[in-house]
């Protein structure tokens, strides 16, 4: 029996369809008929169609997956789960009319820690496969490695405990002053508040709002990038920001 392969959105979406065998050939050289992926669901469309679509966002893109409304477990998830939420999904590929779409078999809410663990495991699977795949071109390997690095950059890393200073310990690098940190904290609070209040907000609106508080454009963009990498916000469309 074929196992489920861990996959990132960027690898799945860049694949080509094999309609005859209902599978996808990904840029990383993997052949998928079943897959396992993890990401965030910020909203669920309010429709009553026999086949519904859920959009799952991971650090490399989004996966538009479908499910049968008769699937009681997924239907219960859609009505009972508080959003936004991280989820772990299993799916089989459904191919027709020249396209292949993941057909969801299960959707399970997970913690941020579980999501991070999945990113680590998926990146490890991807790089191991690339190392053992001579048929994948050097350019494809570079693109896939960049995708894995992008995903890994969003993992939250625990801050190590401070170590006592010693004579051989070098001087630490300068840290932000209290004033600098206050500016960063204010920028973060305003960005999140704007997202909560308006649902979606443009990058320029955030820049203008924070400029009115005396915060430079470069600082706003840096804080916004950090929030996206930390999974607090995402971009459903270019230059549009929404909170997860």
C-alpha atoms as a PDB file:
ATOM      1  CA  UNK A   1       0.000   0.000   0.000  1.00  0.00           C
ATOM      2  CA  UNK A   2       1.357   3.415  -0.931  1.00  0.00           C
ATOM      3  CA  UNK A   3       2.232   5.664   1.983  1.00  0.00           C
ATOM      4  CA  UNK A   4       1.366   9.330   2.366  1.00  0.00           C
ATOM      5  CA  UNK A   5       4.252  11.615   1.415  1.00  0.00           C
ATOM      6  CA  UNK A   6       4.881  14.851   3.308  1.00  0.00           C
ATOM      7  CA  UNK A   7       4.648  17.754   0.887  1.00  0.00           C
ATOM      8  CA  UNK A   8       4.952  21.545   0.798  1.00  0.00           C
ATOM      9  CA  UNK A   9       2.486  23.633  -1.190  1.00  0.00           C
ATOM     10  CA  UNK A  10       5.213  24.965  -3.472  1.00  0.00           C
ATOM     11  CA  UNK A  11       6.273  21.462  -4.518  1.00  0.00           C
ATOM     12  CA  UNK A  12       2.721  20.186  -5.004  1.00  0.00           C
ATOM     13  CA  UNK A  13       1.502  23.222  -6.956  1.00  0.00           C
ATOM     14  CA  UNK A  14       4.514  23.123  -9.270  1.00  0.00           C
ATOM     15  CA  UNK A  15       3.821  19.529 -10.308  1.00  0.00           C
ATOM     16  CA  UNK A  16       2.480  18.072 -13.545  1.00  0.00           C
ATOM     17  CA  UNK A  17      -0.547  15.788 -13.780  1.00  0.00           C
ATOM     18  CA  UNK A  18      -0.546  12.143 -14.752  1.00  0.00           C
ATOM     19  CA  UNK A  19      -4.261  11.739 -15.476  1.00  0.00           C
ATOM     20  CA  UNK A  20      -4.019   8.068 -16.357  1.00  0.00           C
ATOM     21  CA  UNK A  21      -2.654   7.084 -12.962  1.00  0.00           C
ATOM     22  CA  UNK A  22      -4.257   9.923 -10.924  1.00  0.00           C
ATOM     23  CA  UNK A  23      -0.990  11.251  -9.592  1.00  0.00           C
ATOM     24  CA  UNK A  24       1.297  14.282  -9.665  1.00  0.00           C
ATOM     25  CA  UNK A  25       4.955  14.486 -10.647  1.00  0.00           C
ATOM     26  CA  UNK A  26       6.484  17.242  -8.492  1.00  0.00           C
ATOM     27  CA  UNK A  27       9.507  19.473  -9.269  1.00  0.00           C
ATOM     28  CA  UNK A  28      11.403  17.546  -6.585  1.00  0.00           C
ATOM     29  CA  UNK A  29      10.980  14.383  -8.660  1.00  0.00           C
ATOM     30  CA  UNK A  30       8.441  12.709  -6.395  1.00  0.00           C
ATOM     31  CA  UNK A  31       5.349  10.937  -7.696  1.00  0.00           C
ATOM     32  CA  UNK A  32       2.292  11.567  -5.516  1.00  0.00           C
ATOM     33  CA  UNK A  33      -1.073   9.871  -5.393  1.00  0.00           C
ATOM     34  CA  UNK A  34      -1.418  10.378  -1.623  1.00  0.00           C
ATOM     35  CA  UNK A  35      -0.005  13.256   0.400  1.00  0.00           C
ATOM     36  CA  UNK A  36       0.258  14.690   3.886  1.00  0.00           C
ATOM     37  CA  UNK A  37       0.492  18.444   4.442  1.00  0.00           C
ATOM     38  CA  UNK A  38       0.223  20.935   7.267  1.00  0.00           C
ATOM     39  CA  UNK A  39      -0.711  24.612   7.324  1.00  0.00           C
ATOM     40  CA  UNK A  40      -3.157  27.251   8.492  1.00  0.00           C
ATOM     41  CA  UNK A  41      -6.833  27.667   7.666  1.00  0.00           C
ATOM     42  CA  UNK A  42      -7.883  31.291   8.286  1.00  0.00           C
ATOM     43  CA  UNK A  43     -11.442  30.969   6.994  1.00  0.00           C
ATOM     44  CA  UNK A  44     -13.996  28.475   5.671  1.00  0.00           C
ATOM     45  CA  UNK A  45     -16.254  29.421   2.730  1.00  0.00           C
ATOM     46  CA  UNK A  46     -19.964  29.388   3.525  1.00  0.00           C
ATOM     47  CA  UNK A  47     -21.254  27.278   0.640  1.00  0.00           C
ATOM     48  CA  UNK A  48     -23.571  24.290   0.346  1.00  0.00           C
ATOM     49  CA  UNK A  49     -22.044  22.446  -2.604  1.00  0.00           C
ATOM     50  CA  UNK A  50     -21.539  18.647  -2.692  1.00  0.00           C
ATOM     51  CA  UNK A  51     -17.800  19.209  -3.119  1.00  0.00           C
ATOM     52  CA  UNK A  52     -16.315  21.995  -0.995  1.00  0.00           C
ATOM     53  CA  UNK A  53     -12.921  23.676  -1.134  1.00  0.00           C
ATOM     54  CA  UNK A  54     -10.621  24.497   1.784  1.00  0.00           C
ATOM     55  CA  UNK A  55      -7.540  26.679   1.341  1.00  0.00           C
ATOM     56  CA  UNK A  56      -4.590  25.676   3.513  1.00  0.00           C
ATOM     57  CA  UNK A  57      -1.614  28.036   3.769  1.00  0.00           C
ATOM     58  CA  UNK A  58       1.916  26.868   4.491  1.00  0.00           C
ATOM     59  CA  UNK A  59       5.159  28.904   4.331  1.00  0.00           C
ATOM     60  CA  UNK A  60       5.670  28.058   0.632  1.00  0.00           C
ATOM     61  CA  UNK A  61       2.201  28.847  -0.721  1.00  0.00           C
ATOM     62  CA  UNK A  62      -1.374  27.654  -0.496  1.00  0.00           C
ATOM     63  CA  UNK A  63      -3.116  24.382  -1.281  1.00  0.00           C
ATOM     64  CA  UNK A  64      -6.688  24.508  -2.582  1.00  0.00           C
ATOM     65  CA  UNK A  65      -7.944  21.121  -1.396  1.00  0.00           C
ATOM     66  CA  UNK A  66     -11.415  19.703  -1.851  1.00  0.00           C
ATOM     67  CA  UNK A  67     -13.614  17.431   0.230  1.00  0.00           C
ATOM     68  CA  UNK A  68     -17.016  15.778  -0.023  1.00  0.00           C
ATOM     69  CA  UNK A  69     -19.614  17.504   2.139  1.00  0.00           C
ATOM     70  CA  UNK A  70     -20.799  14.009   3.074  1.00  0.00           C
ATOM     71  CA  UNK A  71     -17.530  13.457   4.970  1.00  0.00           C
ATOM     72  CA  UNK A  72     -18.944  13.757   8.483  1.00  0.00           C
ATOM     73  CA  UNK A  73     -15.601  14.293  10.239  1.00  0.00           C
ATOM     74  CA  UNK A  74     -14.477  17.134   7.967  1.00  0.00           C
ATOM     75  CA  UNK A  75     -17.956  18.686   7.998  1.00  0.00           C
ATOM     76  CA  UNK A  76     -17.871  18.665  11.809  1.00  0.00           C
ATOM     77  CA  UNK A  77     -14.415  20.258  11.778  1.00  0.00           C
ATOM     78  CA  UNK A  78     -15.703  23.060   9.539  1.00  0.00           C
ATOM     79  CA  UNK A  79     -18.632  23.874  11.819  1.00  0.00           C
ATOM     80  CA  UNK A  80     -17.071  23.316  15.244  1.00  0.00           C
ATOM     81  CA  UNK A  81     -13.484  24.599  14.967  1.00  0.00           C
ATOM     82  CA  UNK A  82     -12.492  28.100  16.005  1.00  0.00           C
ATOM     83  CA  UNK A  83     -10.501  29.857  13.281  1.00  0.00           C
ATOM     84  CA  UNK A  84      -7.751  30.521  12.432  1.00  0.00           C
ATOM     85  CA  UNK A  85      -6.195  27.136  13.147  1.00  0.00           C
ATOM     86  CA  UNK A  86      -3.231  25.006  12.112  1.00  0.00           C
ATOM     87  CA  UNK A  87      -4.249  21.663  10.617  1.00  0.00           C
ATOM     88  CA  UNK A  88      -2.647  18.396   9.521  1.00  0.00           C
ATOM     89  CA  UNK A  89      -4.304  16.968   6.404  1.00  0.00           C
ATOM     90  CA  UNK A  90      -4.250  13.708   4.472  1.00  0.00           C
ATOM     91  CA  UNK A  91      -5.442  13.632   0.878  1.00  0.00           C
ATOM     92  CA  UNK A  92      -5.533  11.556  -2.255  1.00  0.00           C
ATOM     93  CA  UNK A  93      -5.060  13.113  -5.672  1.00  0.00           C
ATOM     94  CA  UNK A  94      -8.186  13.539  -7.817  1.00  0.00           C
ATOM     95  CA  UNK A  95      -7.357  14.144 -11.473  1.00  0.00           C
ATOM     96  CA  UNK A  96      -9.746  15.294 -14.197  1.00  0.00           C
ATOM     97  CA  UNK A  97      -9.904  17.800 -17.035  1.00  0.00           C
ATOM     98  CA  UNK A  98      -6.148  18.233 -17.039  1.00  0.00           C
ATOM     99  CA  UNK A  99      -5.842  19.172 -13.366  1.00  0.00           C
ATOM    100  CA  UNK A 100      -5.033  17.297 -10.172  1.00  0.00           C
ATOM    101  CA  UNK A 101      -6.565  18.407  -6.877  1.00  0.00           C
ATOM    102  CA  UNK A 102      -5.944  17.007  -3.378  1.00  0.00           C
ATOM    103  CA  UNK A 103      -9.163  15.368  -2.157  1.00  0.00           C
ATOM    104  CA  UNK A 104      -9.140  15.604   1.621  1.00  0.00           C
ATOM    105  CA  UNK A 105      -9.532  12.436   3.647  1.00  0.00           C
ATOM    106  CA  UNK A 106      -8.902  13.942   7.079  1.00  0.00           C
ATOM    107  CA  UNK A 107      -8.351  17.368   8.654  1.00  0.00           C
ATOM    108  CA  UNK A 108      -7.025  17.471  12.216  1.00  0.00           C
ATOM    109  CA  UNK A 109      -6.390  20.659  14.241  1.00  0.00           C
ATOM    110  CA  UNK A 110      -2.827  20.820  15.594  1.00  0.00           C
ATOM    111  CA  UNK A 111      -0.691  23.133  17.703  1.00  0.00           C
ATOM    112  CA  UNK A 112       1.969  25.526  16.436  1.00  0.00           C
ATOM    113  CA  UNK A 113       4.579  23.149  17.863  1.00  0.00           C
ATOM    114  CA  UNK A 114       3.176  20.257  15.820  1.00  0.00           C
ATOM    115  CA  UNK A 115       3.117  22.419  12.720  1.00  0.00           C
ATOM    116  CA  UNK A 116       6.779  23.305  13.280  1.00  0.00           C
ATOM    117  CA  UNK A 117       7.641  19.638  13.779  1.00  0.00           C
ATOM    118  CA  UNK A 118       5.938  18.830  10.473  1.00  0.00           C
ATOM    119  CA  UNK A 119       7.953  21.526   8.686  1.00  0.00           C
ATOM    120  CA  UNK A 120      11.164  20.006  10.039  1.00  0.00           C
ATOM    121  CA  UNK A 121      10.146  16.509   8.963  1.00  0.00           C
ATOM    122  CA  UNK A 122       8.907  17.592   5.521  1.00  0.00           C
ATOM    123  CA  UNK A 123      12.086  19.565   4.844  1.00  0.00           C
ATOM    124  CA  UNK A 124      14.184  16.575   5.898  1.00  0.00           C
ATOM    125  CA  UNK A 125      12.215  14.238   3.598  1.00  0.00           C
ATOM    126  CA  UNK A 126      12.576  16.678   0.716  1.00  0.00           C
ATOM    127  CA  UNK A 127      16.321  17.173   1.046  1.00  0.00           C
ATOM    128  CA  UNK A 128      16.955  13.439   1.494  1.00  0.00           C
ATOM    129  CA  UNK A 129      14.974  12.705  -1.653  1.00  0.00           C
ATOM    130  CA  UNK A 130      16.844  15.355  -3.632  1.00  0.00           C
ATOM    131  CA  UNK A 131      20.180  13.926  -2.535  1.00  0.00           C
ATOM    132  CA  UNK A 132      19.162  10.495  -3.845  1.00  0.00           C
ATOM    133  CA  UNK A 133      17.573  11.709  -7.121  1.00  0.00           C
ATOM    134  CA  UNK A 134      20.076  12.021  -9.996  1.00  0.00           C
ATOM    135  CA  UNK A 135      17.285  12.775 -12.500  1.00  0.00           C
ATOM    136  CA  UNK A 136      16.328  16.061 -10.792  1.00  0.00           C
ATOM    137  CA  UNK A 137      18.144  18.971 -12.447  1.00  0.00           C
ATOM    138  CA  UNK A 138      20.488  21.247 -10.516  1.00  0.00           C
ATOM    139  CA  UNK A 139      18.097  24.168 -11.036  1.00  0.00           C
ATOM    140  CA  UNK A 140      15.151  22.184  -9.654  1.00  0.00           C
ATOM    141  CA  UNK A 141      17.220  21.125  -6.650  1.00  0.00           C
ATOM    142  CA  UNK A 142      18.147  24.746  -5.950  1.00  0.00           C
ATOM    143  CA  UNK A 143      14.501  25.812  -6.147  1.00  0.00           C
ATOM    144  CA  UNK A 144      13.386  22.997  -3.858  1.00  0.00           C
ATOM    145  CA  UNK A 145      16.164  23.701  -1.336  1.00  0.00           C
ATOM    146  CA  UNK A 146      15.184  27.379  -1.309  1.00  0.00           C
ATOM    147  CA  UNK A 147      11.600  26.312  -0.643  1.00  0.00           C
ATOM    148  CA  UNK A 148      12.702  24.143   2.280  1.00  0.00           C
ATOM    149  CA  UNK A 149      14.813  26.997   3.693  1.00  0.00           C
ATOM    150  CA  UNK A 150      11.861  29.366   3.459  1.00  0.00           C
ATOM    151  CA  UNK A 151       9.685  26.926   5.384  1.00  0.00           C
ATOM    152  CA  UNK A 152      12.358  26.305   8.017  1.00  0.00           C
ATOM    153  CA  UNK A 153      12.815  30.048   8.565  1.00  0.00           C
ATOM    154  CA  UNK A 154       9.289  30.225  10.022  1.00  0.00           C
ATOM    155  CA  UNK A 155       9.943  27.759  12.850  1.00  0.00           C
ATOM    156  CA  UNK A 156       9.909  29.256  16.294  1.00  0.00           C
ATOM    157  CA  UNK A 157      13.216  28.678  18.045  1.00  0.00           C
ATOM    158  CA  UNK A 158      13.330  28.570  21.831  1.00  0.00           C
ATOM    159  CA  UNK A 159      15.562  31.204  23.370  1.00  0.00           C
ATOM    160  CA  UNK A 160      18.488  29.517  25.139  1.00  0.00           C
ATOM    161  CA  UNK A 161      19.069  30.187  28.810  1.00  0.00           C
ATOM    162  CA  UNK A 162      21.740  32.809  29.481  1.00  0.00           C
ATOM    163  CA  UNK A 163      25.164  31.531  30.531  1.00  0.00           C
ATOM    164  CA  UNK A 164      27.220  33.154  33.296  1.00  0.00           C
ATOM    165  CA  UNK A 165      29.952  35.468  31.965  1.00  0.00           C
ATOM    166  CA  UNK A 166      33.586  34.399  32.267  1.00  0.00           C
ATOM    167  CA  UNK A 167      36.950  35.875  31.497  1.00  0.00           C
ATOM    168  CA  UNK A 168      37.027  34.080  28.151  1.00  0.00           C
ATOM    169  CA  UNK A 169      33.512  35.096  27.161  1.00  0.00           C
ATOM    170  CA  UNK A 170      33.536  37.769  24.416  1.00  0.00           C
ATOM    171  CA  UNK A 171      31.512  40.897  24.761  1.00  0.00           C
ATOM    172  CA  UNK A 172      27.928  40.330  23.540  1.00  0.00           C
ATOM    173  CA  UNK A 173      26.673  42.093  20.445  1.00  0.00           C
ATOM    174  CA  UNK A 174      24.730  45.289  21.052  1.00  0.00           C
ATOM    175  CA  UNK A 175      21.052  44.737  21.787  1.00  0.00           C
ATOM    176  CA  UNK A 176      18.184  47.084  20.961  1.00  0.00           C
ATOM    177  CA  UNK A 177      17.665  49.842  23.484  1.00  0.00           C
ATOM    178  CA  UNK A 178      14.432  50.121  25.425  1.00  0.00           C
ATOM    179  CA  UNK A 179      13.344  52.895  23.054  1.00  0.00           C
ATOM    180  CA  UNK A 180      14.078  50.765  19.966  1.00  0.00           C
ATOM    181  CA  UNK A 181      12.167  47.827  21.415  1.00  0.00           C
ATOM    182  CA  UNK A 182       9.223  50.081  22.286  1.00  0.00           C
ATOM    183  CA  UNK A 183       9.037  51.217  18.649  1.00  0.00           C
ATOM    184  CA  UNK A 184       9.067  47.606  17.424  1.00  0.00           C
ATOM    185  CA  UNK A 185       6.409  46.600  19.955  1.00  0.00           C
ATOM    186  CA  UNK A 186       4.223  49.545  18.943  1.00  0.00           C
ATOM    187  CA  UNK A 187       4.561  48.673  15.248  1.00  0.00           C
ATOM    188  CA  UNK A 188       3.579  45.065  15.935  1.00  0.00           C
ATOM    189  CA  UNK A 189       0.566  46.082  18.037  1.00  0.00           C
ATOM    190  CA  UNK A 190      -0.690  48.528  15.416  1.00  0.00           C
ATOM    191  CA  UNK A 191      -0.292  46.057  12.542  1.00  0.00           C
ATOM    192  CA  UNK A 192      -2.184  43.329  14.391  1.00  0.00           C
ATOM    193  CA  UNK A 193      -4.869  45.790  15.517  1.00  0.00           C
ATOM    194  CA  UNK A 194      -5.386  47.006  11.934  1.00  0.00           C
ATOM    195  CA  UNK A 195      -5.739  43.415  10.738  1.00  0.00           C
ATOM    196  CA  UNK A 196      -8.220  42.581  13.515  1.00  0.00           C
ATOM    197  CA  UNK A 197     -10.276  45.708  12.881  1.00  0.00           C
ATOM    198  CA  UNK A 198     -10.428  45.617   9.078  1.00  0.00           C
ATOM    199  CA  UNK A 199     -10.062  41.930   8.242  1.00  0.00           C
ATOM    200  CA  UNK A 200      -7.612  42.680   5.457  1.00  0.00           C
ATOM    201  CA  UNK A 201      -5.312  45.667   5.020  1.00  0.00           C
ATOM    202  CA  UNK A 202      -2.851  46.751   2.355  1.00  0.00           C
ATOM    203  CA  UNK A 203       0.855  47.096   3.008  1.00  0.00           C
ATOM    204  CA  UNK A 204       0.682  50.771   2.061  1.00  0.00           C
ATOM    205  CA  UNK A 205      -2.138  51.406   4.539  1.00  0.00           C
ATOM    206  CA  UNK A 206       0.014  49.931   7.300  1.00  0.00           C
ATOM    207  CA  UNK A 207       2.995  52.023   6.214  1.00  0.00           C
ATOM    208  CA  UNK A 208       0.857  55.191   6.194  1.00  0.00           C
ATOM    209  CA  UNK A 209      -0.737  54.412   9.565  1.00  0.00           C
ATOM    210  CA  UNK A 210       2.590  53.823  11.276  1.00  0.00           C
ATOM    211  CA  UNK A 211       4.181  56.810   9.528  1.00  0.00           C
ATOM    212  CA  UNK A 212       1.548  58.905  11.291  1.00  0.00           C
ATOM    213  CA  UNK A 213       2.978  57.583  14.556  1.00  0.00           C
ATOM    214  CA  UNK A 214       6.512  58.493  13.562  1.00  0.00           C
ATOM    215  CA  UNK A 215       7.596  54.975  12.576  1.00  0.00           C
ATOM    216  CA  UNK A 216       9.669  54.665   9.411  1.00  0.00           C
ATOM    217  CA  UNK A 217       8.605  52.585   6.404  1.00  0.00           C
ATOM    218  CA  UNK A 218      11.681  50.336   6.766  1.00  0.00           C
ATOM    219  CA  UNK A 219      10.761  49.540  10.376  1.00  0.00           C
ATOM    220  CA  UNK A 220       7.150  48.766   9.417  1.00  0.00           C
ATOM    221  CA  UNK A 221       8.213  46.391   6.639  1.00  0.00           C
ATOM    222  CA  UNK A 222      10.746  44.665   8.902  1.00  0.00           C
ATOM    223  CA  UNK A 223       8.146  44.083  11.635  1.00  0.00           C
ATOM    224  CA  UNK A 224       5.586  42.924   9.046  1.00  0.00           C
ATOM    225  CA  UNK A 225       8.076  40.429   7.622  1.00  0.00           C
ATOM    226  CA  UNK A 226       8.712  39.056  11.115  1.00  0.00           C
ATOM    227  CA  UNK A 227       4.967  38.656  11.750  1.00  0.00           C
ATOM    228  CA  UNK A 228       4.534  36.762   8.478  1.00  0.00           C
ATOM    229  CA  UNK A 229       7.508  34.503   9.171  1.00  0.00           C
ATOM    230  CA  UNK A 230       6.205  33.831  12.687  1.00  0.00           C
ATOM    231  CA  UNK A 231       2.814  32.798  11.330  1.00  0.00           C
ATOM    232  CA  UNK A 232       0.910  35.726  12.865  1.00  0.00           C
ATOM    233  CA  UNK A 233      -0.090  37.160   9.469  1.00  0.00           C
ATOM    234  CA  UNK A 234      -0.127  36.028   5.853  1.00  0.00           C
ATOM    235  CA  UNK A 235      -0.632  37.432   2.359  1.00  0.00           C
ATOM    236  CA  UNK A 236      -3.747  36.029   0.620  1.00  0.00           C
ATOM    237  CA  UNK A 237      -2.811  38.255  -2.330  1.00  0.00           C
ATOM    238  CA  UNK A 238       0.264  40.376  -3.140  1.00  0.00           C
ATOM    239  CA  UNK A 239       0.424  43.493  -0.904  1.00  0.00           C
ATOM    240  CA  UNK A 240      -2.660  42.364   1.065  1.00  0.00           C
ATOM    241  CA  UNK A 241      -2.180  41.404   4.713  1.00  0.00           C
ATOM    242  CA  UNK A 242      -4.508  39.302   6.855  1.00  0.00           C
ATOM    243  CA  UNK A 243      -4.081  37.907  10.330  1.00  0.00           C
ATOM    244  CA  UNK A 244      -3.946  34.158  10.910  1.00  0.00           C
END
